Amino acid sequence: MRIAVSGAGGFIGRHVLAELAKRENTPIALVRGDDAGDFPGSPECYKVDIAKSGTVTPAEIGDPDALIHLAWGGLPNYRSNHHFEIELPAQHQFLSGLIKGGLKNLVCAGTCFEYGMQYGPLSEDMPTRPENSYGFAKDTLRQQLEYLRMQTPYNLAWARLFFLYGAGQAANSLFPQLHRAVTEGRDVFDMSGGEQLRDYLPVETVAQNIVDLAISNPDCGPINICSGEPISIRRLVETWCLENGWSIDLNLGYYPYPDYEPMAFWGSSNKMEQVGLKARNCAKHI
């Protein structure tokens, strides 16, 4: 199969390309001009700036059998109006042009923020209630794509990503901050109280599941990509320290808890298992 990856130069995109390189597929990297570079598996490369390109046809990106769509601008500012004023219309124009041009299989990255301030285990049959601009824009794009599917049939897997970590992650994410504090020889690591419950997976596991979706092409709509098991942020940090042999005191309560997400939420992995994906507990795979 010829599988294109938008956002190929990003954190998840590079791991997806590395996973595709292990399998008998032809990867195609879609990148902005300033993202072009060396990629795992030496994929075919096409320069596409979604914000400026307008309508793009499948032929202009190498005629892929499937597209893994990871590109999204404006992060990590989840509350910026950029997401629905600028990003949403550009994303819709890009994807609808490809679908109307003949793309048959799309795996598109969603977000757990589509669920909003709902507590406990979150399943795909729950109503979406986004409460930040990023979640609202993603959820609106999903609805637009599902409506388009009624007019122009194609397979859509909307992969709702929960929390992930690994090599190449943004420096302001939890794991890189902890690693930096240790390597700089700090005595303490400043963090929140750590009692919030979240759902974390290594980025390699997320990449495996995304590639599995692209290869199997299920027309499954929204699907959580998650471990299915809650873990407290404090336990997560302590586990990272234990597994890596790091010694640092945790300064709990230094930062307030985020007000844009509930204290306890995690994904239900039932639908993942129904389509043949595997959820893995992050605490066992560090």
C-alpha atoms as a PDB file:
ATOM      1  CA  MET A   1       0.000   0.000   0.000  1.00  0.00           C
ATOM      2  CA  ARG A   2       0.976   3.608  -0.600  1.00  0.00           C
ATOM      3  CA  ILE A   3       0.329   5.445   2.670  1.00  0.00           C
ATOM      4  CA  ALA A   4       0.745   9.214   2.944  1.00  0.00           C
ATOM      5  CA  VAL A   5       1.438  10.924   6.277  1.00  0.00           C
ATOM      6  CA  SER A   6       0.692  14.624   6.735  1.00  0.00           C
ATOM      7  CA  GLY A   7       2.588  16.342   9.528  1.00  0.00           C
ATOM      8  CA  ALA A   8       5.391  13.862   8.828  1.00  0.00           C
ATOM      9  CA  GLY A   9       7.988  16.138  10.393  1.00  0.00           C
ATOM     10  CA  GLY A  10       6.157  16.317  13.719  1.00  0.00           C
ATOM     11  CA  PHE A  11       6.455  14.290  16.930  1.00  0.00           C
ATOM     12  CA  ILE A  12       3.905  11.617  16.013  1.00  0.00           C
ATOM     13  CA  GLY A  13       4.571  11.776  12.281  1.00  0.00           C
ATOM     14  CA  ARG A  14       8.193  10.688  12.561  1.00  0.00           C
ATOM     15  CA  HIS A  15       7.213   7.690  14.693  1.00  0.00           C
ATOM     16  CA  VAL A  16       4.474   6.756  12.207  1.00  0.00           C
ATOM     17  CA  LEU A  17       7.013   6.857   9.365  1.00  0.00           C
ATOM     18  CA  ALA A  18       9.370   4.689  11.425  1.00  0.00           C
ATOM     19  CA  GLU A  19       6.565   2.168  11.955  1.00  0.00           C
ATOM     20  CA  LEU A  20       5.654   2.177   8.251  1.00  0.00           C
ATOM     21  CA  ALA A  21       9.319   1.546   7.425  1.00  0.00           C
ATOM     22  CA  LYS A  22       9.087  -1.773   9.299  1.00  0.00           C
ATOM     23  CA  ARG A  23       6.225  -2.997   7.110  1.00  0.00           C
ATOM     24  CA  GLU A  24       5.781  -3.747   3.410  1.00  0.00           C
ATOM     25  CA  ASN A  25       4.257  -0.414   2.436  1.00  0.00           C
ATOM     26  CA  THR A  26       5.367   2.646   0.493  1.00  0.00           C
ATOM     27  CA  PRO A  27       5.387   5.651   2.857  1.00  0.00           C
ATOM     28  CA  ILE A  28       4.783   9.160   1.531  1.00  0.00           C
ATOM     29  CA  ALA A  29       5.791  12.121   3.712  1.00  0.00           C
ATOM     30  CA  LEU A  30       3.761  15.322   3.351  1.00  0.00           C
ATOM     31  CA  VAL A  31       5.636  18.264   4.838  1.00  0.00           C
ATOM     32  CA  ARG A  32       5.716  22.034   4.807  1.00  0.00           C
ATOM     33  CA  GLY A  33       8.792  23.545   3.201  1.00  0.00           C
ATOM     34  CA  ASP A  34      10.528  24.191   6.516  1.00  0.00           C
ATOM     35  CA  ASP A  35       9.799  20.647   7.747  1.00  0.00           C
ATOM     36  CA  ALA A  36      11.568  18.792   4.946  1.00  0.00           C
ATOM     37  CA  GLY A  37      14.462  16.645   6.103  1.00  0.00           C
ATOM     38  CA  ASP A  38      15.686  13.110   6.707  1.00  0.00           C
ATOM     39  CA  PHE A  39      12.922  10.682   7.616  1.00  0.00           C
ATOM     40  CA  PRO A  40      12.894   7.024   8.702  1.00  0.00           C
ATOM     41  CA  GLY A  41      12.526   4.634   5.788  1.00  0.00           C
ATOM     42  CA  SER A  42      13.428   7.208   3.087  1.00  0.00           C
ATOM     43  CA  PRO A  43       9.809   7.920   2.067  1.00  0.00           C
ATOM     44  CA  GLU A  44       8.689   9.779  -1.008  1.00  0.00           C
ATOM     45  CA  CYS A  45       8.309  13.448  -0.038  1.00  0.00           C
ATOM     46  CA  TYR A  46       5.829  16.092  -1.176  1.00  0.00           C
ATOM     47  CA  LYS A  47       5.715  19.670   0.082  1.00  0.00           C
ATOM     48  CA  VAL A  48       2.207  20.738   1.076  1.00  0.00           C
ATOM     49  CA  ASP A  49       1.377  23.767   3.227  1.00  0.00           C
ATOM     50  CA  ILE A  50      -2.249  23.188   4.223  1.00  0.00           C
ATOM     51  CA  ALA A  51      -2.694  26.833   5.241  1.00  0.00           C
ATOM     52  CA  LYS A  52      -1.701  28.034   1.764  1.00  0.00           C
ATOM     53  CA  SER A  53      -2.252  25.190  -0.680  1.00  0.00           C
ATOM     54  CA  GLY A  54      -6.029  25.356  -1.052  1.00  0.00           C
ATOM     55  CA  THR A  55      -7.529  22.368  -2.862  1.00  0.00           C
ATOM     56  CA  VAL A  56      -5.060  19.503  -3.396  1.00  0.00           C
ATOM     57  CA  THR A  57      -5.693  16.400  -5.505  1.00  0.00           C
ATOM     58  CA  PRO A  58      -4.475  12.870  -4.675  1.00  0.00           C
ATOM     59  CA  ALA A  59      -2.170  12.982  -7.714  1.00  0.00           C
ATOM     60  CA  GLU A  60      -0.364  15.988  -6.204  1.00  0.00           C
ATOM     61  CA  ILE A  61       0.590  13.921  -3.137  1.00  0.00           C
ATOM     62  CA  GLY A  62       1.611  10.692  -4.879  1.00  0.00           C
ATOM     63  CA  ASP A  63      -1.790   8.974  -5.293  1.00  0.00           C
ATOM     64  CA  PRO A  64      -1.857   7.257  -1.872  1.00  0.00           C
ATOM     65  CA  ASP A  65      -4.156   4.368  -1.037  1.00  0.00           C
ATOM     66  CA  ALA A  66      -4.623   5.903   2.418  1.00  0.00           C
ATOM     67  CA  LEU A  67      -3.799   9.152   4.198  1.00  0.00           C
ATOM     68  CA  ILE A  68      -2.788   9.378   7.864  1.00  0.00           C
ATOM     69  CA  HIS A  69      -3.612  12.994   8.654  1.00  0.00           C
ATOM     70  CA  LEU A  70      -1.658  14.343  11.625  1.00  0.00           C
ATOM     71  CA  ALA A  71      -0.975  17.950  10.578  1.00  0.00           C
ATOM     72  CA  TRP A  72      -2.487  20.707  12.733  1.00  0.00           C
ATOM     73  CA  GLY A  73      -1.151  24.184  13.491  1.00  0.00           C
ATOM     74  CA  GLY A  74      -1.493  26.478  16.490  1.00  0.00           C
ATOM     75  CA  LEU A  75      -0.512  24.033  19.239  1.00  0.00           C
ATOM     76  CA  PRO A  76      -0.006  23.863  22.194  1.00  0.00           C
ATOM     77  CA  ASN A  77      -2.263  26.909  22.716  1.00  0.00           C
ATOM     78  CA  TYR A  78      -5.530  24.991  23.045  1.00  0.00           C
ATOM     79  CA  ARG A  79      -7.631  28.113  23.636  1.00  0.00           C
ATOM     80  CA  SER A  80      -6.509  30.165  20.639  1.00  0.00           C
ATOM     81  CA  ASN A  81      -9.218  31.210  18.166  1.00  0.00           C
ATOM     82  CA  HIS A  82      -6.715  30.194  15.473  1.00  0.00           C
ATOM     83  CA  HIS A  83      -8.050  26.648  15.661  1.00  0.00           C
ATOM     84  CA  PHE A  84     -11.549  27.409  14.392  1.00  0.00           C
ATOM     85  CA  GLU A  85     -10.959  30.710  12.560  1.00  0.00           C
ATOM     86  CA  ILE A  86      -7.935  29.652  10.468  1.00  0.00           C
ATOM     87  CA  GLU A  87      -7.052  25.985  10.947  1.00  0.00           C
ATOM     88  CA  LEU A  88     -10.531  24.465  10.624  1.00  0.00           C
ATOM     89  CA  PRO A  89     -11.461  25.914   7.195  1.00  0.00           C
ATOM     90  CA  ALA A  90      -7.996  25.179   5.785  1.00  0.00           C
ATOM     91  CA  GLN A  91      -8.094  21.592   7.067  1.00  0.00           C
ATOM     92  CA  HIS A  92     -11.567  21.016   5.666  1.00  0.00           C
ATOM     93  CA  GLN A  93     -10.623  22.391   2.250  1.00  0.00           C
ATOM     94  CA  PHE A  94      -7.512  20.198   2.114  1.00  0.00           C
ATOM     95  CA  LEU A  95      -9.218  16.960   3.164  1.00  0.00           C
ATOM     96  CA  SER A  96     -12.473  17.454   1.246  1.00  0.00           C
ATOM     97  CA  GLY A  97     -10.486  18.183  -1.918  1.00  0.00           C
ATOM     98  CA  LEU A  98      -8.593  14.914  -1.575  1.00  0.00           C
ATOM     99  CA  ILE A  99     -11.745  12.921  -0.860  1.00  0.00           C
ATOM    100  CA  LYS A 100     -13.702  14.448  -3.742  1.00  0.00           C
ATOM    101  CA  GLY A 101     -10.630  13.788  -5.895  1.00  0.00           C
ATOM    102  CA  GLY A 102     -10.766  10.059  -5.147  1.00  0.00           C
ATOM    103  CA  LEU A 103      -9.024   9.379  -1.809  1.00  0.00           C
ATOM    104  CA  LYS A 104     -10.707   6.261  -0.417  1.00  0.00           C
ATOM    105  CA  ASN A 105      -9.177   5.817   3.044  1.00  0.00           C
ATOM    106  CA  LEU A 106      -8.521   8.445   5.713  1.00  0.00           C
ATOM    107  CA  VAL A 107      -7.154   8.073   9.244  1.00  0.00           C
ATOM    108  CA  CYS A 108      -7.453  11.470  10.899  1.00  0.00           C
ATOM    109  CA  ALA A 109      -6.077  12.458  14.305  1.00  0.00           C
ATOM    110  CA  GLY A 110      -8.706  13.673  16.747  1.00  0.00           C
ATOM    111  CA  THR A 111      -8.298  14.531  20.420  1.00  0.00           C
ATOM    112  CA  CYS A 112      -9.654  13.487  23.797  1.00  0.00           C
ATOM    113  CA  PHE A 113     -10.473  17.197  24.319  1.00  0.00           C
ATOM    114  CA  GLU A 114     -13.524  16.605  22.107  1.00  0.00           C
ATOM    115  CA  TYR A 115     -15.146  15.012  25.172  1.00  0.00           C
ATOM    116  CA  GLY A 116     -14.778  18.211  27.201  1.00  0.00           C
ATOM    117  CA  MET A 117     -15.253  18.269  30.973  1.00  0.00           C
ATOM    118  CA  GLN A 118     -16.691  14.755  31.274  1.00  0.00           C
ATOM    119  CA  TYR A 119     -15.307  12.569  34.058  1.00  0.00           C
ATOM    120  CA  GLY A 120     -14.410   8.903  34.220  1.00  0.00           C
ATOM    121  CA  PRO A 121     -14.032   6.450  31.324  1.00  0.00           C
ATOM    122  CA  LEU A 122     -14.816   8.066  27.975  1.00  0.00           C
ATOM    123  CA  SER A 123     -16.300   5.998  25.161  1.00  0.00           C
ATOM    124  CA  GLU A 124     -16.932   6.903  21.543  1.00  0.00           C
ATOM    125  CA  ASP A 125     -20.732   6.668  21.894  1.00  0.00           C
ATOM    126  CA  MET A 126     -20.757   9.521  24.435  1.00  0.00           C
ATOM    127  CA  PRO A 127     -21.796  12.986  23.206  1.00  0.00           C
ATOM    128  CA  THR A 128     -18.926  15.375  22.501  1.00  0.00           C
ATOM    129  CA  ARG A 129     -18.796  18.537  24.629  1.00  0.00           C
ATOM    130  CA  PRO A 130     -15.575  20.379  23.758  1.00  0.00           C
ATOM    131  CA  GLU A 131     -14.735  23.325  25.997  1.00  0.00           C
ATOM    132  CA  ASN A 132     -11.598  24.695  24.354  1.00  0.00           C
ATOM    133  CA  SER A 133     -11.030  26.021  20.833  1.00  0.00           C
ATOM    134  CA  TYR A 134      -8.816  23.119  19.789  1.00  0.00           C
ATOM    135  CA  GLY A 135     -11.330  20.460  20.835  1.00  0.00           C
ATOM    136  CA  PHE A 136     -14.180  22.417  19.236  1.00  0.00           C
ATOM    137  CA  ALA A 137     -12.354  22.756  15.910  1.00  0.00           C
ATOM    138  CA  LYS A 138     -11.369  19.074  15.826  1.00  0.00           C
ATOM    139  CA  ASP A 139     -14.891  17.941  16.643  1.00  0.00           C
ATOM    140  CA  THR A 140     -16.355  20.241  13.995  1.00  0.00           C
ATOM    141  CA  LEU A 141     -13.945  18.861  11.391  1.00  0.00           C
ATOM    142  CA  ARG A 142     -15.013  15.331  12.323  1.00  0.00           C
ATOM    143  CA  GLN A 143     -18.668  16.229  11.783  1.00  0.00           C
ATOM    144  CA  GLN A 144     -17.861  17.868   8.443  1.00  0.00           C
ATOM    145  CA  LEU A 145     -15.988  14.767   7.308  1.00  0.00           C
ATOM    146  CA  GLU A 146     -18.800  12.465   8.426  1.00  0.00           C
ATOM    147  CA  TYR A 147     -21.307  14.570   6.482  1.00  0.00           C
ATOM    148  CA  LEU A 148     -19.034  14.472   3.427  1.00  0.00           C
ATOM    149  CA  ARG A 149     -18.916  10.682   3.731  1.00  0.00           C
ATOM    150  CA  MET A 150     -22.676  10.580   3.067  1.00  0.00           C
ATOM    151  CA  GLN A 151     -22.151  12.430  -0.227  1.00  0.00           C
ATOM    152  CA  THR A 152     -18.816  10.935  -1.296  1.00  0.00           C
ATOM    153  CA  PRO A 153     -18.293   7.463   0.231  1.00  0.00           C
ATOM    154  CA  TYR A 154     -14.876   6.736   1.731  1.00  0.00           C
ATOM    155  CA  ASN A 155     -13.489   4.998   4.820  1.00  0.00           C
ATOM    156  CA  LEU A 156     -12.982   7.262   7.839  1.00  0.00           C
ATOM    157  CA  ALA A 157     -11.200   6.331  11.064  1.00  0.00           C
ATOM    158  CA  TRP A 158     -11.196   9.295  13.470  1.00  0.00           C
ATOM    159  CA  ALA A 159      -8.393   8.438  15.913  1.00  0.00           C
ATOM    160  CA  ARG A 160      -9.024  10.269  19.199  1.00  0.00           C
ATOM    161  CA  LEU A 161      -5.598  10.544  20.793  1.00  0.00           C
ATOM    162  CA  PHE A 162      -5.224  10.696  24.553  1.00  0.00           C
ATOM    163  CA  PHE A 163      -1.887  11.517  26.211  1.00  0.00           C
ATOM    164  CA  LEU A 164       1.407  10.215  24.873  1.00  0.00           C
ATOM    165  CA  TYR A 165       5.131  10.577  25.439  1.00  0.00           C
ATOM    166  CA  GLY A 166       8.446   9.615  23.886  1.00  0.00           C
ATOM    167  CA  ALA A 167      11.470  10.707  21.897  1.00  0.00           C
ATOM    168  CA  GLY A 168      11.046  13.958  20.007  1.00  0.00           C
ATOM    169  CA  GLN A 169       8.204  15.304  22.134  1.00  0.00           C
ATOM    170  CA  ALA A 170       7.830  19.071  22.609  1.00  0.00           C
ATOM    171  CA  ALA A 171      10.131  20.445  25.312  1.00  0.00           C
ATOM    172  CA  ASN A 172       7.232  21.790  27.389  1.00  0.00           C
ATOM    173  CA  SER A 173       5.612  18.345  27.761  1.00  0.00           C
ATOM    174  CA  LEU A 174       5.768  16.453  31.049  1.00  0.00           C
ATOM    175  CA  PHE A 175       8.342  13.776  30.199  1.00  0.00           C
ATOM    176  CA  PRO A 176      10.880  16.135  28.524  1.00  0.00           C
ATOM    177  CA  GLN A 177      10.567  18.560  31.449  1.00  0.00           C
ATOM    178  CA  LEU A 178      11.284  15.777  33.922  1.00  0.00           C
ATOM    179  CA  HIS A 179      14.209  14.484  31.864  1.00  0.00           C
ATOM    180  CA  ARG A 180      15.660  17.978  31.591  1.00  0.00           C
ATOM    181  CA  ALA A 181      15.391  18.537  35.351  1.00  0.00           C
ATOM    182  CA  VAL A 182      17.275  15.294  35.995  1.00  0.00           C
ATOM    183  CA  THR A 183      20.013  15.921  33.426  1.00  0.00           C
ATOM    184  CA  GLU A 184      20.543  19.451  34.756  1.00  0.00           C
ATOM    185  CA  GLY A 185      21.095  18.005  38.231  1.00  0.00           C
ATOM    186  CA  ARG A 186      18.193  19.733  39.939  1.00  0.00           C
ATOM    187  CA  ASP A 187      17.231  18.589  43.422  1.00  0.00           C
ATOM    188  CA  VAL A 188      13.478  18.872  42.875  1.00  0.00           C
ATOM    189  CA  PHE A 189      10.973  18.678  40.045  1.00  0.00           C
ATOM    190  CA  ASP A 190       8.166  21.237  40.246  1.00  0.00           C
ATOM    191  CA  MET A 191       4.769  19.813  39.301  1.00  0.00           C
ATOM    192  CA  SER A 192       1.081  19.864  40.202  1.00  0.00           C
ATOM    193  CA  GLY A 193      -0.341  17.854  43.072  1.00  0.00           C
ATOM    194  CA  GLY A 194      -0.242  14.864  40.729  1.00  0.00           C
ATOM    195  CA  GLU A 195      -3.563  13.340  41.770  1.00  0.00           C
ATOM    196  CA  GLN A 196      -5.292  13.865  38.426  1.00  0.00           C
ATOM    197  CA  LEU A 197      -6.006  10.636  36.542  1.00  0.00           C
ATOM    198  CA  ARG A 198      -5.058  10.458  32.876  1.00  0.00           C
ATOM    199  CA  ASP A 199      -4.539   7.952  30.063  1.00  0.00           C
ATOM    200  CA  TYR A 200      -0.966   7.719  28.722  1.00  0.00           C
ATOM    201  CA  LEU A 201       0.653   5.624  25.984  1.00  0.00           C
ATOM    202  CA  PRO A 202       4.195   5.582  24.563  1.00  0.00           C
ATOM    203  CA  VAL A 203       4.252   7.285  21.159  1.00  0.00           C
ATOM    204  CA  GLU A 204       5.576   4.068  19.566  1.00  0.00           C
ATOM    205  CA  THR A 205       2.379   2.272  20.618  1.00  0.00           C
ATOM    206  CA  VAL A 206       0.233   5.105  19.279  1.00  0.00           C
ATOM    207  CA  ALA A 207       2.117   4.932  15.960  1.00  0.00           C
ATOM    208  CA  GLN A 208       1.568   1.158  15.742  1.00  0.00           C
ATOM    209  CA  ASN A 209      -2.175   1.555  16.228  1.00  0.00           C
ATOM    210  CA  ILE A 210      -2.450   4.404  13.721  1.00  0.00           C
ATOM    211  CA  VAL A 211      -0.589   2.393  11.081  1.00  0.00           C
ATOM    212  CA  ASP A 212      -2.780  -0.648  11.810  1.00  0.00           C
ATOM    213  CA  LEU A 213      -5.837   1.525  11.109  1.00  0.00           C
ATOM    214  CA  ALA A 214      -4.360   2.801   7.846  1.00  0.00           C
ATOM    215  CA  ILE A 215      -3.593  -0.718   6.630  1.00  0.00           C
ATOM    216  CA  SER A 216      -6.902  -2.310   7.642  1.00  0.00           C
ATOM    217  CA  ASN A 217      -8.989   0.714   6.535  1.00  0.00           C
ATOM    218  CA  PRO A 218     -11.968   0.225   8.862  1.00  0.00           C
ATOM    219  CA  ASP A 219     -14.826   2.661   8.287  1.00  0.00           C
ATOM    220  CA  CYS A 220     -15.194   2.966  12.041  1.00  0.00           C
ATOM    221  CA  GLY A 221     -15.619   6.693  12.651  1.00  0.00           C
ATOM    222  CA  PRO A 222     -14.401   7.892  16.074  1.00  0.00           C
ATOM    223  CA  ILE A 223     -12.066   5.481  17.862  1.00  0.00           C
ATOM    224  CA  ASN A 224     -10.078   6.123  21.023  1.00  0.00           C
ATOM    225  CA  ILE A 225      -6.329   5.491  20.879  1.00  0.00           C
ATOM    226  CA  CYS A 226      -5.666   4.908  24.550  1.00  0.00           C
ATOM    227  CA  SER A 227      -4.462   2.475  27.206  1.00  0.00           C
ATOM    228  CA  GLY A 228      -7.937   2.037  28.689  1.00  0.00           C
ATOM    229  CA  GLU A 229      -6.472   2.340  32.201  1.00  0.00           C
ATOM    230  CA  PRO A 230      -6.207   5.487  34.342  1.00  0.00           C
ATOM    231  CA  ILE A 231      -2.938   6.420  36.010  1.00  0.00           C
ATOM    232  CA  SER A 232      -2.246   9.358  38.321  1.00  0.00           C
ATOM    233  CA  ILE A 233       0.297  11.891  37.103  1.00  0.00           C
ATOM    234  CA  ARG A 234       2.252  11.400  40.337  1.00  0.00           C
ATOM    235  CA  ARG A 235       2.470   7.635  39.827  1.00  0.00           C
ATOM    236  CA  LEU A 236       3.404   8.167  36.189  1.00  0.00           C
ATOM    237  CA  VAL A 237       6.302  10.467  37.097  1.00  0.00           C
ATOM    238  CA  GLU A 238       7.443   8.138  39.888  1.00  0.00           C
ATOM    239  CA  THR A 239       7.369   5.195  37.446  1.00  0.00           C
ATOM    240  CA  TRP A 240       9.444   7.096  34.886  1.00  0.00           C
ATOM    241  CA  CYS A 241      12.003   7.865  37.597  1.00  0.00           C
ATOM    242  CA  LEU A 242      12.097   4.245  38.778  1.00  0.00           C
ATOM    243  CA  GLU A 243      12.413   2.736  35.294  1.00  0.00           C
ATOM    244  CA  ASN A 244      15.163   5.169  34.271  1.00  0.00           C
ATOM    245  CA  GLY A 245      17.068   5.143  37.572  1.00  0.00           C
ATOM    246  CA  TRP A 246      16.473   8.852  38.153  1.00  0.00           C
ATOM    247  CA  SER A 247      16.695  10.337  41.648  1.00  0.00           C
ATOM    248  CA  ILE A 248      14.833  13.607  42.131  1.00  0.00           C
ATOM    249  CA  ASP A 249      12.346  14.882  44.710  1.00  0.00           C
ATOM    250  CA  LEU A 250       8.880  15.825  43.516  1.00  0.00           C
ATOM    251  CA  ASN A 251       7.711  19.299  44.540  1.00  0.00           C
ATOM    252  CA  LEU A 252       4.010  18.445  44.533  1.00  0.00           C
ATOM    253  CA  GLY A 253       1.476  21.271  44.379  1.00  0.00           C
ATOM    254  CA  TYR A 254       3.873  23.828  42.867  1.00  0.00           C
ATOM    255  CA  TYR A 255       1.586  24.304  39.844  1.00  0.00           C
ATOM    256  CA  PRO A 256      -2.237  24.505  39.969  1.00  0.00           C
ATOM    257  CA  TYR A 257      -4.318  21.850  38.255  1.00  0.00           C
ATOM    258  CA  PRO A 258      -5.340  22.790  34.688  1.00  0.00           C
ATOM    259  CA  ASP A 259      -8.794  24.327  34.524  1.00  0.00           C
ATOM    260  CA  TYR A 260      -9.468  23.185  30.923  1.00  0.00           C
ATOM    261  CA  GLU A 261      -9.723  19.462  31.693  1.00  0.00           C
ATOM    262  CA  PRO A 262     -11.398  17.381  34.438  1.00  0.00           C
ATOM    263  CA  MET A 263      -9.473  15.825  37.314  1.00  0.00           C
ATOM    264  CA  ALA A 264     -10.148  12.248  36.236  1.00  0.00           C
ATOM    265  CA  PHE A 265     -10.691  10.950  32.713  1.00  0.00           C
ATOM    266  CA  TRP A 266      -9.368   8.138  30.566  1.00  0.00           C
ATOM    267  CA  GLY A 267     -10.357   6.320  27.398  1.00  0.00           C
ATOM    268  CA  SER A 268     -12.418   3.188  26.943  1.00  0.00           C
ATOM    269  CA  SER A 269     -10.447   0.752  24.772  1.00  0.00           C
ATOM    270  CA  ASN A 270     -13.422  -1.491  23.894  1.00  0.00           C
ATOM    271  CA  LYS A 271     -13.743  -0.214  20.322  1.00  0.00           C
ATOM    272  CA  MET A 272      -9.989  -0.539  19.784  1.00  0.00           C
ATOM    273  CA  GLU A 273     -10.199  -4.191  20.685  1.00  0.00           C
ATOM    274  CA  GLN A 274     -13.243  -4.695  18.438  1.00  0.00           C
ATOM    275  CA  VAL A 275     -11.282  -3.553  15.367  1.00  0.00           C
ATOM    276  CA  GLY A 276      -8.186  -5.527  16.341  1.00  0.00           C
ATOM    277  CA  LEU A 277      -6.032  -2.840  17.973  1.00  0.00           C
ATOM    278  CA  LYS A 278      -4.180  -3.436  21.220  1.00  0.00           C
ATOM    279  CA  ALA A 279      -4.304  -1.152  24.241  1.00  0.00           C
ATOM    280  CA  ARG A 280      -1.221  -1.265  26.442  1.00  0.00           C
ATOM    281  CA  ASN A 281      -0.832   0.049  29.971  1.00  0.00           C
ATOM    282  CA  CYS A 282       1.818   2.780  29.832  1.00  0.00           C
ATOM    283  CA  ALA A 283       3.174   1.917  33.283  1.00  0.00           C
ATOM    284  CA  LYS A 284       4.331  -1.438  31.905  1.00  0.00           C
ATOM    285  CA  HIS A 285       5.987  -0.102  28.779  1.00  0.00           C
ATOM    286  CA  ILE A 286       8.343   2.660  29.921  1.00  0.00           C
END
